[in-house]
Amino acid sequence: LISTSDNVTNSVRSGIELVGKNKLFKILDLTTTVNLYYYKMDGFT
């Protein structure tokens, strides 16, 4: 098995990060982060 890396095609990436901060009951801080992303890679030989 031969494993190699090669720059063979183009790709497009886009995404969004959503961050929520909540303080609950005076003693609890919650920080929630959600990342959503789209990835498209063109064909190649």
ModelCIF file with pLDDT and N, C-alpha, C, O atoms, coordinates in Angstrom:
data_MODEL
#
_entry.id   MODEL 
#
_entity.id                         1 
_entity.type                       polymer 
_entity.pdbx_number_of_molecules   1 
#
_entity_poly.entity_id                      1 
_entity_poly.type                           'polypeptide(L)' 
_entity_poly.nstd_linkage                   no 
_entity_poly.nstd_monomer                   no 
_entity_poly.pdbx_seq_one_letter_code       LISTSDNVTNSVRSGIELVGKNKLFKILDLTTTVNLYYYKMDGFT 
_entity_poly.pdbx_seq_one_letter_code_can   LISTSDNVTNSVRSGIELVGKNKLFKILDLTTTVNLYYYKMDGFT 
_entity_poly.pdbx_strand_id                 A 
#
loop_
_entity_poly_seq.entity_id 
_entity_poly_seq.num 
_entity_poly_seq.mon_id 
_entity_poly_seq.hetero 
1 1  LEU n 
1 2  ILE n 
1 3  SER n 
1 4  THR n 
1 5  SER n 
1 6  ASP n 
1 7  ASN n 
1 8  VAL n 
1 9  THR n 
1 10 ASN n 
1 11 SER n 
1 12 VAL n 
1 13 ARG n 
1 14 SER n 
1 15 GLY n 
1 16 ILE n 
1 17 GLU n 
1 18 LEU n 
1 19 VAL n 
1 20 GLY n 
1 21 LYS n 
1 22 ASN n 
1 23 LYS n 
1 24 LEU n 
1 25 PHE n 
1 26 LYS n 
1 27 ILE n 
1 28 LEU n 
1 29 ASP n 
1 30 LEU n 
1 31 THR n 
1 32 THR n 
1 33 THR n 
1 34 VAL n 
1 35 ASN n 
1 36 LEU n 
1 37 TYR n 
1 38 TYR n 
1 39 TYR n 
1 40 LYS n 
1 41 MET n 
1 42 ASP n 
1 43 GLY n 
1 44 PHE n 
1 45 THR n 
#
_struct_asym.id          A 
_struct_asym.entity_id   1 
#
loop_
_ma_qa_metric.id 
_ma_qa_metric.mode 
_ma_qa_metric.name 
_ma_qa_metric.software_group_id 
_ma_qa_metric.type 
1 global pLDDT . pLDDT 
2 local  pLDDT . pLDDT 
#
_ma_qa_metric_global.metric_id      1 
_ma_qa_metric_global.metric_value   85.42 
_ma_qa_metric_global.model_id       1 
_ma_qa_metric_global.ordinal_id     1 
#
loop_
_ma_qa_metric_local.label_asym_id 
_ma_qa_metric_local.label_comp_id 
_ma_qa_metric_local.label_seq_id 
_ma_qa_metric_local.metric_id 
_ma_qa_metric_local.metric_value 
_ma_qa_metric_local.model_id 
_ma_qa_metric_local.ordinal_id 
A LEU 1  2 60.00 1 1  
A ILE 2  2 65.00 1 2  
A SER 3  2 67.00 1 3  
A THR 4  2 68.00 1 4  
A SER 5  2 70.00 1 5  
A ASP 6  2 67.00 1 6  
A ASN 7  2 71.00 1 7  
A VAL 8  2 71.00 1 8  
A THR 9  2 77.00 1 9  
A ASN 10 2 80.00 1 10 
A SER 11 2 80.00 1 11 
A VAL 12 2 86.00 1 12 
A ARG 13 2 85.00 1 13 
A SER 14 2 92.00 1 14 
A GLY 15 2 95.00 1 15 
A ILE 16 2 95.00 1 16 
A GLU 17 2 95.00 1 17 
A LEU 18 2 95.00 1 18 
A VAL 19 2 96.00 1 19 
A GLY 20 2 95.00 1 20 
A LYS 21 2 94.00 1 21 
A ASN 22 2 91.00 1 22 
A LYS 23 2 92.00 1 23 
A LEU 24 2 86.00 1 24 
A PHE 25 2 85.00 1 25 
A LYS 26 2 87.00 1 26 
A ILE 27 2 90.00 1 27 
A LEU 28 2 93.00 1 28 
A ASP 29 2 94.00 1 29 
A LEU 30 2 94.00 1 30 
A THR 31 2 96.00 1 31 
A THR 32 2 96.00 1 32 
A THR 33 2 96.00 1 33 
A VAL 34 2 97.00 1 34 
A ASN 35 2 96.00 1 35 
A LEU 36 2 96.00 1 36 
A TYR 37 2 90.00 1 37 
A TYR 38 2 91.00 1 38 
A TYR 39 2 86.00 1 39 
A LYS 40 2 86.00 1 40 
A MET 41 2 80.00 1 41 
A ASP 42 2 82.00 1 42 
A GLY 43 2 80.00 1 43 
A PHE 44 2 78.00 1 44 
A THR 45 2 78.00 1 45 
#
loop_
_atom_site.group_PDB 
_atom_site.id 
_atom_site.type_symbol 
_atom_site.label_atom_id 
_atom_site.label_alt_id 
_atom_site.label_comp_id 
_atom_site.label_asym_id 
_atom_site.label_entity_id 
_atom_site.label_seq_id 
_atom_site.pdbx_PDB_ins_code 
_atom_site.Cartn_x 
_atom_site.Cartn_y 
_atom_site.Cartn_z 
_atom_site.occupancy 
_atom_site.B_iso_or_equiv 
_atom_site.pdbx_formal_charge 
_atom_site.auth_seq_id 
_atom_site.auth_comp_id 
_atom_site.auth_asym_id 
_atom_site.auth_atom_id 
_atom_site.pdbx_PDB_model_num 
ATOM 1   N N  . LEU A 1 1  ? 0.846   -1.179 0.000   1.00 60.00 ? 1  LEU A N  1 
ATOM 2   C CA . LEU A 1 1  ? 0.000   0.000  0.000   1.00 60.00 ? 1  LEU A CA 1 
ATOM 3   C C  . LEU A 1 1  ? 0.883   1.231  0.000   1.00 60.00 ? 1  LEU A C  1 
ATOM 4   O O  . LEU A 1 1  ? 1.771   1.371  0.841   1.00 60.00 ? 1  LEU A O  1 
ATOM 5   N N  . ILE A 1 2  ? 0.636   2.121  -0.945  1.00 65.00 ? 2  ILE A N  1 
ATOM 6   C CA . ILE A 1 2  ? 1.362   3.388  -1.010  1.00 65.00 ? 2  ILE A CA 1 
ATOM 7   C C  . ILE A 1 2  ? 0.359   4.484  -0.709  1.00 65.00 ? 2  ILE A C  1 
ATOM 8   O O  . ILE A 1 2  ? -0.687  4.569  -1.352  1.00 65.00 ? 2  ILE A O  1 
ATOM 9   N N  . SER A 1 3  ? 0.672   5.316  0.256   1.00 67.00 ? 3  SER A N  1 
ATOM 10  C CA . SER A 1 3  ? -0.199  6.426  0.635   1.00 67.00 ? 3  SER A CA 1 
ATOM 11  C C  . SER A 1 3  ? 0.537   7.725  0.343   1.00 67.00 ? 3  SER A C  1 
ATOM 12  O O  . SER A 1 3  ? 1.678   7.912  0.766   1.00 67.00 ? 3  SER A O  1 
ATOM 13  N N  . THR A 1 4  ? -0.124  8.620  -0.382  1.00 68.00 ? 4  THR A N  1 
ATOM 14  C CA . THR A 1 4  ? 0.501   9.887  -0.733  1.00 68.00 ? 4  THR A CA 1 
ATOM 15  C C  . THR A 1 4  ? -0.548  10.992 -0.757  1.00 68.00 ? 4  THR A C  1 
ATOM 16  O O  . THR A 1 4  ? -1.745  10.716 -0.846  1.00 68.00 ? 4  THR A O  1 
ATOM 17  N N  . SER A 1 5  ? -0.111  12.210 -0.679  1.00 70.00 ? 5  SER A N  1 
ATOM 18  C CA . SER A 1 5  ? -1.008  13.356 -0.797  1.00 70.00 ? 5  SER A CA 1 
ATOM 19  C C  . SER A 1 5  ? -0.705  14.078 -2.092  1.00 70.00 ? 5  SER A C  1 
ATOM 20  O O  . SER A 1 5  ? 0.446   14.145 -2.523  1.00 70.00 ? 5  SER A O  1 
ATOM 21  N N  . ASP A 1 6  ? -1.748  14.622 -2.713  1.00 67.00 ? 6  ASP A N  1 
ATOM 22  C CA . ASP A 1 6  ? -1.564  15.318 -3.974  1.00 67.00 ? 6  ASP A CA 1 
ATOM 23  C C  . ASP A 1 6  ? -2.665  16.363 -4.101  1.00 67.00 ? 6  ASP A C  1 
ATOM 24  O O  . ASP A 1 6  ? -3.808  16.117 -3.717  1.00 67.00 ? 6  ASP A O  1 
ATOM 25  N N  . ASN A 1 7  ? -2.324  17.515 -4.631  1.00 71.00 ? 7  ASN A N  1 
ATOM 26  C CA . ASN A 1 7  ? -3.290  18.573 -4.854  1.00 71.00 ? 7  ASN A CA 1 
ATOM 27  C C  . ASN A 1 7  ? -3.898  18.360 -6.239  1.00 71.00 ? 7  ASN A C  1 
ATOM 28  O O  . ASN A 1 7  ? -3.339  18.818 -7.236  1.00 71.00 ? 7  ASN A O  1 
ATOM 29  N N  . VAL A 1 8  ? -5.041  17.668 -6.311  1.00 71.00 ? 8  VAL A N  1 
ATOM 30  C CA . VAL A 1 8  ? -5.561  17.204 -7.592  1.00 71.00 ? 8  VAL A CA 1 
ATOM 31  C C  . VAL A 1 8  ? -6.818  17.914 -8.077  1.00 71.00 ? 8  VAL A C  1 
ATOM 32  O O  . VAL A 1 8  ? -7.180  17.766 -9.245  1.00 71.00 ? 8  VAL A O  1 
ATOM 33  N N  . THR A 1 9  ? -7.494  18.677 -7.227  1.00 77.00 ? 9  THR A N  1 
ATOM 34  C CA . THR A 1 9  ? -8.745  19.280 -7.659  1.00 77.00 ? 9  THR A CA 1 
ATOM 35  C C  . THR A 1 9  ? -9.066  20.517 -6.821  1.00 77.00 ? 9  THR A C  1 
ATOM 36  O O  . THR A 1 9  ? -8.277  20.930 -5.970  1.00 77.00 ? 9  THR A O  1 
ATOM 37  N N  . ASN A 1 10 ? -10.218 21.088 -7.075  1.00 80.00 ? 10 ASN A N  1 
ATOM 38  C CA . ASN A 1 10 ? -10.678 22.264 -6.335  1.00 80.00 ? 10 ASN A CA 1 
ATOM 39  C C  . ASN A 1 10 ? -11.806 21.877 -5.389  1.00 80.00 ? 10 ASN A C  1 
ATOM 40  O O  . ASN A 1 10 ? -12.531 20.908 -5.616  1.00 80.00 ? 10 ASN A O  1 
ATOM 41  N N  . SER A 1 11 ? -11.932 22.648 -4.337  1.00 80.00 ? 11 SER A N  1 
ATOM 42  C CA . SER A 1 11 ? -13.031 22.413 -3.408  1.00 80.00 ? 11 SER A CA 1 
ATOM 43  C C  . SER A 1 11 ? -13.549 23.756 -2.893  1.00 80.00 ? 11 SER A C  1 
ATOM 44  O O  . SER A 1 11 ? -12.858 24.774 -2.938  1.00 80.00 ? 11 SER A O  1 
ATOM 45  N N  . VAL A 1 12 ? -14.774 23.720 -2.407  1.00 86.00 ? 12 VAL A N  1 
ATOM 46  C CA . VAL A 1 12 ? -15.414 24.896 -1.829  1.00 86.00 ? 12 VAL A CA 1 
ATOM 47  C C  . VAL A 1 12 ? -15.918 24.512 -0.455  1.00 86.00 ? 12 VAL A C  1 
ATOM 48  O O  . VAL A 1 12 ? -16.572 23.484 -0.284  1.00 86.00 ? 12 VAL A O  1 
ATOM 49  N N  . ARG A 1 13 ? -15.607 25.349 0.526   1.00 85.00 ? 13 ARG A N  1 
ATOM 50  C CA . ARG A 1 13 ? -16.094 25.131 1.890   1.00 85.00 ? 13 ARG A CA 1 
ATOM 51  C C  . ARG A 1 13 ? -16.789 26.396 2.363   1.00 85.00 ? 13 ARG A C  1 
ATOM 52  O O  . ARG A 1 13 ? -16.332 27.508 2.098   1.00 85.00 ? 13 ARG A O  1 
ATOM 53  N N  . SER A 1 14 ? -17.882 26.217 3.058   1.00 92.00 ? 14 SER A N  1 
ATOM 54  C CA . SER A 1 14 ? -18.545 27.347 3.683   1.00 92.00 ? 14 SER A CA 1 
ATOM 55  C C  . SER A 1 14 ? -19.239 26.852 4.939   1.00 92.00 ? 14 SER A C  1 
ATOM 56  O O  . SER A 1 14 ? -19.577 25.674 5.053   1.00 92.00 ? 14 SER A O  1 
ATOM 57  N N  . GLY A 1 15 ? -19.447 27.755 5.871   1.00 95.00 ? 15 GLY A N  1 
ATOM 58  C CA . GLY A 1 15 ? -20.075 27.320 7.107   1.00 95.00 ? 15 GLY A CA 1 
ATOM 59  C C  . GLY A 1 15 ? -20.479 28.475 7.978   1.00 95.00 ? 15 GLY A C  1 
ATOM 60  O O  . GLY A 1 15 ? -20.267 29.643 7.653   1.00 95.00 ? 15 GLY A O  1 
ATOM 61  N N  . ILE A 1 16 ? -21.068 28.113 9.097   1.00 95.00 ? 16 ILE A N  1 
ATOM 62  C CA . ILE A 1 16 ? -21.517 29.099 10.061  1.00 95.00 ? 16 ILE A CA 1 
ATOM 63  C C  . ILE A 1 16 ? -21.300 28.520 11.456  1.00 95.00 ? 16 ILE A C  1 
ATOM 64  O O  . ILE A 1 16 ? -21.460 27.321 11.681  1.00 95.00 ? 16 ILE A O  1 
ATOM 65  N N  . GLU A 1 17 ? -20.933 29.397 12.380  1.00 95.00 ? 17 GLU A N  1 
ATOM 66  C CA . GLU A 1 17 ? -20.767 28.994 13.771  1.00 95.00 ? 17 GLU A CA 1 
ATOM 67  C C  . GLU A 1 17 ? -21.806 29.735 14.606  1.00 95.00 ? 17 GLU A C  1 
ATOM 68  O O  . GLU A 1 17 ? -21.915 30.959 14.532  1.00 95.00 ? 17 GLU A O  1 
ATOM 69  N N  . LEU A 1 18 ? -22.558 28.997 15.390  1.00 95.00 ? 18 LEU A N  1 
ATOM 70  C CA . LEU A 1 18 ? -23.567 29.575 16.267  1.00 95.00 ? 18 LEU A CA 1 
ATOM 71  C C  . LEU A 1 18 ? -23.117 29.378 17.708  1.00 95.00 ? 18 LEU A C  1 
ATOM 72  O O  . LEU A 1 18 ? -22.785 28.265 18.117  1.00 95.00 ? 18 LEU A O  1 
ATOM 73  N N  . VAL A 1 19 ? -23.110 30.464 18.473  1.00 96.00 ? 19 VAL A N  1 
ATOM 74  C CA . VAL A 1 19 ? -22.665 30.404 19.868  1.00 96.00 ? 19 VAL A CA 1 
ATOM 75  C C  . VAL A 1 19 ? -23.777 30.930 20.756  1.00 96.00 ? 19 VAL A C  1 
ATOM 76  O O  . VAL A 1 19 ? -24.326 32.005 20.512  1.00 96.00 ? 19 VAL A O  1 
ATOM 77  N N  . GLY A 1 20 ? -24.101 30.176 21.777  1.00 95.00 ? 20 GLY A N  1 
ATOM 78  C CA . GLY A 1 20 ? -25.105 30.602 22.746  1.00 95.00 ? 20 GLY A CA 1 
ATOM 79  C C  . GLY A 1 20 ? -24.520 30.586 24.142  1.00 95.00 ? 20 GLY A C  1 
ATOM 80  O O  . GLY A 1 20 ? -23.886 29.611 24.546  1.00 95.00 ? 20 GLY A O  1 
ATOM 81  N N  . LYS A 1 21 ? -24.732 31.670 24.885  1.00 94.00 ? 21 LYS A N  1 
ATOM 82  C CA . LYS A 1 21 ? -24.291 31.746 26.279  1.00 94.00 ? 21 LYS A CA 1 
ATOM 83  C C  . LYS A 1 21 ? -25.513 31.966 27.141  1.00 94.00 ? 21 LYS A C  1 
ATOM 84  O O  . LYS A 1 21 ? -26.315 32.865 26.887  1.00 94.00 ? 21 LYS A O  1 
ATOM 85  N N  . ASN A 1 22 ? -25.650 31.140 28.163  1.00 91.00 ? 22 ASN A N  1 
ATOM 86  C CA . ASN A 1 22 ? -26.795 31.240 29.060  1.00 91.00 ? 22 ASN A CA 1 
ATOM 87  C C  . ASN A 1 22 ? -26.327 31.179 30.506  1.00 91.00 ? 22 ASN A C  1 
ATOM 88  O O  . ASN A 1 22 ? -25.463 30.376 30.856  1.00 91.00 ? 22 ASN A O  1 
ATOM 89  N N  . LYS A 1 23 ? -26.896 32.022 31.328  1.00 92.00 ? 23 LYS A N  1 
ATOM 90  C CA . LYS A 1 23 ? -26.653 31.973 32.771  1.00 92.00 ? 23 LYS A CA 1 
ATOM 91  C C  . LYS A 1 23 ? -27.940 31.475 33.407  1.00 92.00 ? 23 LYS A C  1 
ATOM 92  O O  . LYS A 1 23 ? -28.990 32.105 33.281  1.00 92.00 ? 23 LYS A O  1 
ATOM 93  N N  . LEU A 1 24 ? -27.852 30.343 34.090  1.00 86.00 ? 24 LEU A N  1 
ATOM 94  C CA . LEU A 1 24 ? -29.030 29.728 34.699  1.00 86.00 ? 24 LEU A CA 1 
ATOM 95  C C  . LEU A 1 24 ? -28.828 29.566 36.198  1.00 86.00 ? 24 LEU A C  1 
ATOM 96  O O  . LEU A 1 24 ? -27.757 29.146 36.637  1.00 86.00 ? 24 LEU A O  1 
ATOM 97  N N  . PHE A 1 25 ? -29.827 29.889 36.973  1.00 85.00 ? 25 PHE A N  1 
ATOM 98  C CA . PHE A 1 25 ? -29.854 29.643 38.415  1.00 85.00 ? 25 PHE A CA 1 
ATOM 99  C C  . PHE A 1 25 ? -28.708 30.302 39.187  1.00 85.00 ? 25 PHE A C  1 
ATOM 100 O O  . PHE A 1 25 ? -28.361 29.798 40.255  1.00 85.00 ? 25 PHE A O  1 
ATOM 101 N N  . LYS A 1 26 ? -28.112 31.368 38.727  1.00 87.00 ? 26 LYS A N  1 
ATOM 102 C CA . LYS A 1 26 ? -27.023 32.103 39.369  1.00 87.00 ? 26 LYS A CA 1 
ATOM 103 C C  . LYS A 1 26 ? -25.731 31.298 39.506  1.00 87.00 ? 26 LYS A C  1 
ATOM 104 O O  . LYS A 1 26 ? -24.674 31.893 39.712  1.00 87.00 ? 26 LYS A O  1 
ATOM 105 N N  . ILE A 1 27 ? -25.774 29.987 39.400  1.00 90.00 ? 27 ILE A N  1 
ATOM 106 C CA . ILE A 1 27 ? -24.560 29.188 39.606  1.00 90.00 ? 27 ILE A CA 1 
ATOM 107 C C  . ILE A 1 27 ? -24.103 28.455 38.345  1.00 90.00 ? 27 ILE A C  1 
ATOM 108 O O  . ILE A 1 27 ? -23.026 27.859 38.337  1.00 90.00 ? 27 ILE A O  1 
ATOM 109 N N  . LEU A 1 28 ? -24.903 28.491 37.286  1.00 93.00 ? 28 LEU A N  1 
ATOM 110 C CA . LEU A 1 28 ? -24.597 27.702 36.092  1.00 93.00 ? 28 LEU A CA 1 
ATOM 111 C C  . LEU A 1 28 ? -24.478 28.595 34.862  1.00 93.00 ? 28 LEU A C  1 
ATOM 112 O O  . LEU A 1 28 ? -25.410 29.317 34.508  1.00 93.00 ? 28 LEU A O  1 
ATOM 113 N N  . ASP A 1 29 ? -23.319 28.533 34.222  1.00 94.00 ? 29 ASP A N  1 
ATOM 114 C CA . ASP A 1 29 ? -23.090 29.199 32.938  1.00 94.00 ? 29 ASP A CA 1 
ATOM 115 C C  . ASP A 1 29 ? -22.941 28.124 31.871  1.00 94.00 ? 29 ASP A C  1 
ATOM 116 O O  . ASP A 1 29 ? -22.132 27.208 32.020  1.00 94.00 ? 29 ASP A O  1 
ATOM 117 N N  . LEU A 1 30 ? -23.711 28.228 30.804  1.00 94.00 ? 30 LEU A N  1 
ATOM 118 C CA . LEU A 1 30 ? -23.612 27.294 29.684  1.00 94.00 ? 30 LEU A CA 1 
ATOM 119 C C  . LEU A 1 30 ? -23.132 28.039 28.450  1.00 94.00 ? 30 LEU A C  1 
ATOM 120 O O  . LEU A 1 30 ? -23.645 29.110 28.127  1.00 94.00 ? 30 LEU A O  1 
ATOM 121 N N  . THR A 1 31 ? -22.164 27.484 27.770  1.00 96.00 ? 31 THR A N  1 
ATOM 122 C CA . THR A 1 31 ? -21.733 28.006 26.478  1.00 96.00 ? 31 THR A CA 1 
ATOM 123 C C  . THR A 1 31 ? -21.857 26.862 25.479  1.00 96.00 ? 31 THR A C  1 
ATOM 124 O O  . THR A 1 31 ? -21.220 25.820 25.633  1.00 96.00 ? 31 THR A O  1 
ATOM 125 N N  . THR A 1 32 ? -22.670 27.061 24.469  1.00 96.00 ? 32 THR A N  1 
ATOM 126 C CA . THR A 1 32 ? -22.902 26.035 23.447  1.00 96.00 ? 32 THR A CA 1 
ATOM 127 C C  . THR A 1 32 ? -22.449 26.580 22.102  1.00 96.00 ? 32 THR A C  1 
ATOM 128 O O  . THR A 1 32 ? -22.808 27.694 21.719  1.00 96.00 ? 32 THR A O  1 
ATOM 129 N N  . THR A 1 33 ? -21.666 25.792 21.395  1.00 96.00 ? 33 THR A N  1 
ATOM 130 C CA . THR A 1 33 ? -21.179 26.168 20.072  1.00 96.00 ? 33 THR A CA 1 
ATOM 131 C C  . THR A 1 33 ? -21.572 25.081 19.085  1.00 96.00 ? 33 THR A C  1 
ATOM 132 O O  . THR A 1 33 ? -21.312 23.901 19.317  1.00 96.00 ? 33 THR A O  1 
ATOM 133 N N  . VAL A 1 34 ? -22.198 25.478 17.986  1.00 97.00 ? 34 VAL A N  1 
ATOM 134 C CA . VAL A 1 34 ? -22.562 24.543 16.917  1.00 97.00 ? 34 VAL A CA 1 
ATOM 135 C C  . VAL A 1 34 ? -21.968 25.074 15.620  1.00 97.00 ? 34 VAL A C  1 
ATOM 136 O O  . VAL A 1 34 ? -22.194 26.227 15.253  1.00 97.00 ? 34 VAL A O  1 
ATOM 137 N N  . ASN A 1 35 ? -21.209 24.233 14.930  1.00 96.00 ? 35 ASN A N  1 
ATOM 138 C CA . ASN A 1 35 ? -20.628 24.569 13.632  1.00 96.00 ? 35 ASN A CA 1 
ATOM 139 C C  . ASN A 1 35 ? -21.335 23.750 12.565  1.00 96.00 ? 35 ASN A C  1 
ATOM 140 O O  . ASN A 1 35 ? -21.419 22.525 12.660  1.00 96.00 ? 35 ASN A O  1 
ATOM 141 N N  . LEU A 1 36 ? -21.840 24.432 11.555  1.00 96.00 ? 36 LEU A N  1 
ATOM 142 C CA . LEU A 1 36 ? -22.490 23.784 10.413  1.00 96.00 ? 36 LEU A CA 1 
ATOM 143 C C  . LEU A 1 36 ? -21.671 24.144 9.188   1.00 96.00 ? 36 LEU A C  1 
ATOM 144 O O  . LEU A 1 36 ? -21.379 25.318 8.961   1.00 96.00 ? 36 LEU A O  1 
ATOM 145 N N  . TYR A 1 37 ? -21.296 23.148 8.394   1.00 90.00 ? 37 TYR A N  1 
ATOM 146 C CA . TYR A 1 37 ? -20.509 23.481 7.226   1.00 90.00 ? 37 TYR A CA 1 
ATOM 147 C C  . TYR A 1 37 ? -20.837 22.584 6.029   1.00 90.00 ? 37 TYR A C  1 
ATOM 148 O O  . TYR A 1 37 ? -21.228 21.424 6.159   1.00 90.00 ? 37 TYR A O  1 
ATOM 149 N N  . TYR A 1 38 ? -20.655 23.188 4.876   1.00 91.00 ? 38 TYR A N  1 
ATOM 150 C CA . TYR A 1 38 ? -20.907 22.559 3.583   1.00 91.00 ? 38 TYR A CA 1 
ATOM 151 C C  . TYR A 1 38 ? -19.561 22.416 2.873   1.00 91.00 ? 38 TYR A C  1 
ATOM 152 O O  . TYR A 1 38 ? -18.720 23.313 2.924   1.00 91.00 ? 38 TYR A O  1 
ATOM 153 N N  . TYR A 1 39 ? -19.376 21.287 2.217   1.00 86.00 ? 39 TYR A N  1 
ATOM 154 C CA . TYR A 1 39 ? -18.109 21.013 1.538   1.00 86.00 ? 39 TYR A CA 1 
ATOM 155 C C  . TYR A 1 39 ? -18.415 20.386 0.182   1.00 86.00 ? 39 TYR A C  1 
ATOM 156 O O  . TYR A 1 39 ? -19.151 19.402 0.095   1.00 86.00 ? 39 TYR A O  1 
ATOM 157 N N  . LYS A 1 40 ? -17.840 20.967 -0.886  1.00 86.00 ? 40 LYS A N  1 
ATOM 158 C CA . LYS A 1 40 ? -18.017 20.424 -2.232  1.00 86.00 ? 40 LYS A CA 1 
ATOM 159 C C  . LYS A 1 40 ? -16.641 20.243 -2.853  1.00 86.00 ? 40 LYS A C  1 
ATOM 160 O O  . LYS A 1 40 ? -15.813 21.154 -2.843  1.00 86.00 ? 40 LYS A O  1 
ATOM 161 N N  . MET A 1 41 ? -16.409 19.039 -3.398  1.00 80.00 ? 41 MET A N  1 
ATOM 162 C CA . MET A 1 41 ? -15.139 18.755 -4.073  1.00 80.00 ? 41 MET A CA 1 
ATOM 163 C C  . MET A 1 41 ? -15.431 18.382 -5.519  1.00 80.00 ? 41 MET A C  1 
ATOM 164 O O  . MET A 1 41 ? -16.284 17.538 -5.796  1.00 80.00 ? 41 MET A O  1 
ATOM 165 N N  . ASP A 1 42 ? -14.709 19.025 -6.442  1.00 82.00 ? 42 ASP A N  1 
ATOM 166 C CA . ASP A 1 42 ? -14.861 18.722 -7.860  1.00 82.00 ? 42 ASP A CA 1 
ATOM 167 C C  . ASP A 1 42 ? -14.263 17.352 -8.178  1.00 82.00 ? 42 ASP A C  1 
ATOM 168 O O  . ASP A 1 42 ? -13.407 16.850 -7.450  1.00 82.00 ? 42 ASP A O  1 
ATOM 169 N N  . GLY A 1 43 ? -14.727 16.758 -9.277  1.00 80.00 ? 43 GLY A N  1 
ATOM 170 C CA . GLY A 1 43 ? -14.197 15.478 -9.714  1.00 80.00 ? 43 GLY A CA 1 
ATOM 171 C C  . GLY A 1 43 ? -12.790 15.611 -10.292 1.00 80.00 ? 43 GLY A C  1 
ATOM 172 O O  . GLY A 1 43 ? -12.357 16.706 -10.652 1.00 80.00 ? 43 GLY A O  1 
ATOM 173 N N  . PHE A 1 44 ? -12.086 14.488 -10.375 1.00 78.00 ? 44 PHE A N  1 
ATOM 174 C CA . PHE A 1 44 ? -10.730 14.489 -10.924 1.00 78.00 ? 44 PHE A CA 1 
ATOM 175 C C  . PHE A 1 44 ? -10.321 13.067 -11.289 1.00 78.00 ? 44 PHE A C  1 
ATOM 176 O O  . PHE A 1 44 ? -10.944 12.092 -10.869 1.00 78.00 ? 44 PHE A O  1 
ATOM 177 N N  . THR A 1 45 ? -9.272  12.978 -12.074 1.00 78.00 ? 45 THR A N  1 
ATOM 178 C CA . THR A 1 45 ? -8.617  11.707 -12.358 1.00 78.00 ? 45 THR A CA 1 
ATOM 179 C C  . THR A 1 45 ? -7.159  11.869 -11.966 1.00 78.00 ? 45 THR A C  1 
ATOM 180 O O  . THR A 1 45 ? -6.374  10.931 -12.107 1.00 78.00 ? 45 THR A O  1 
#
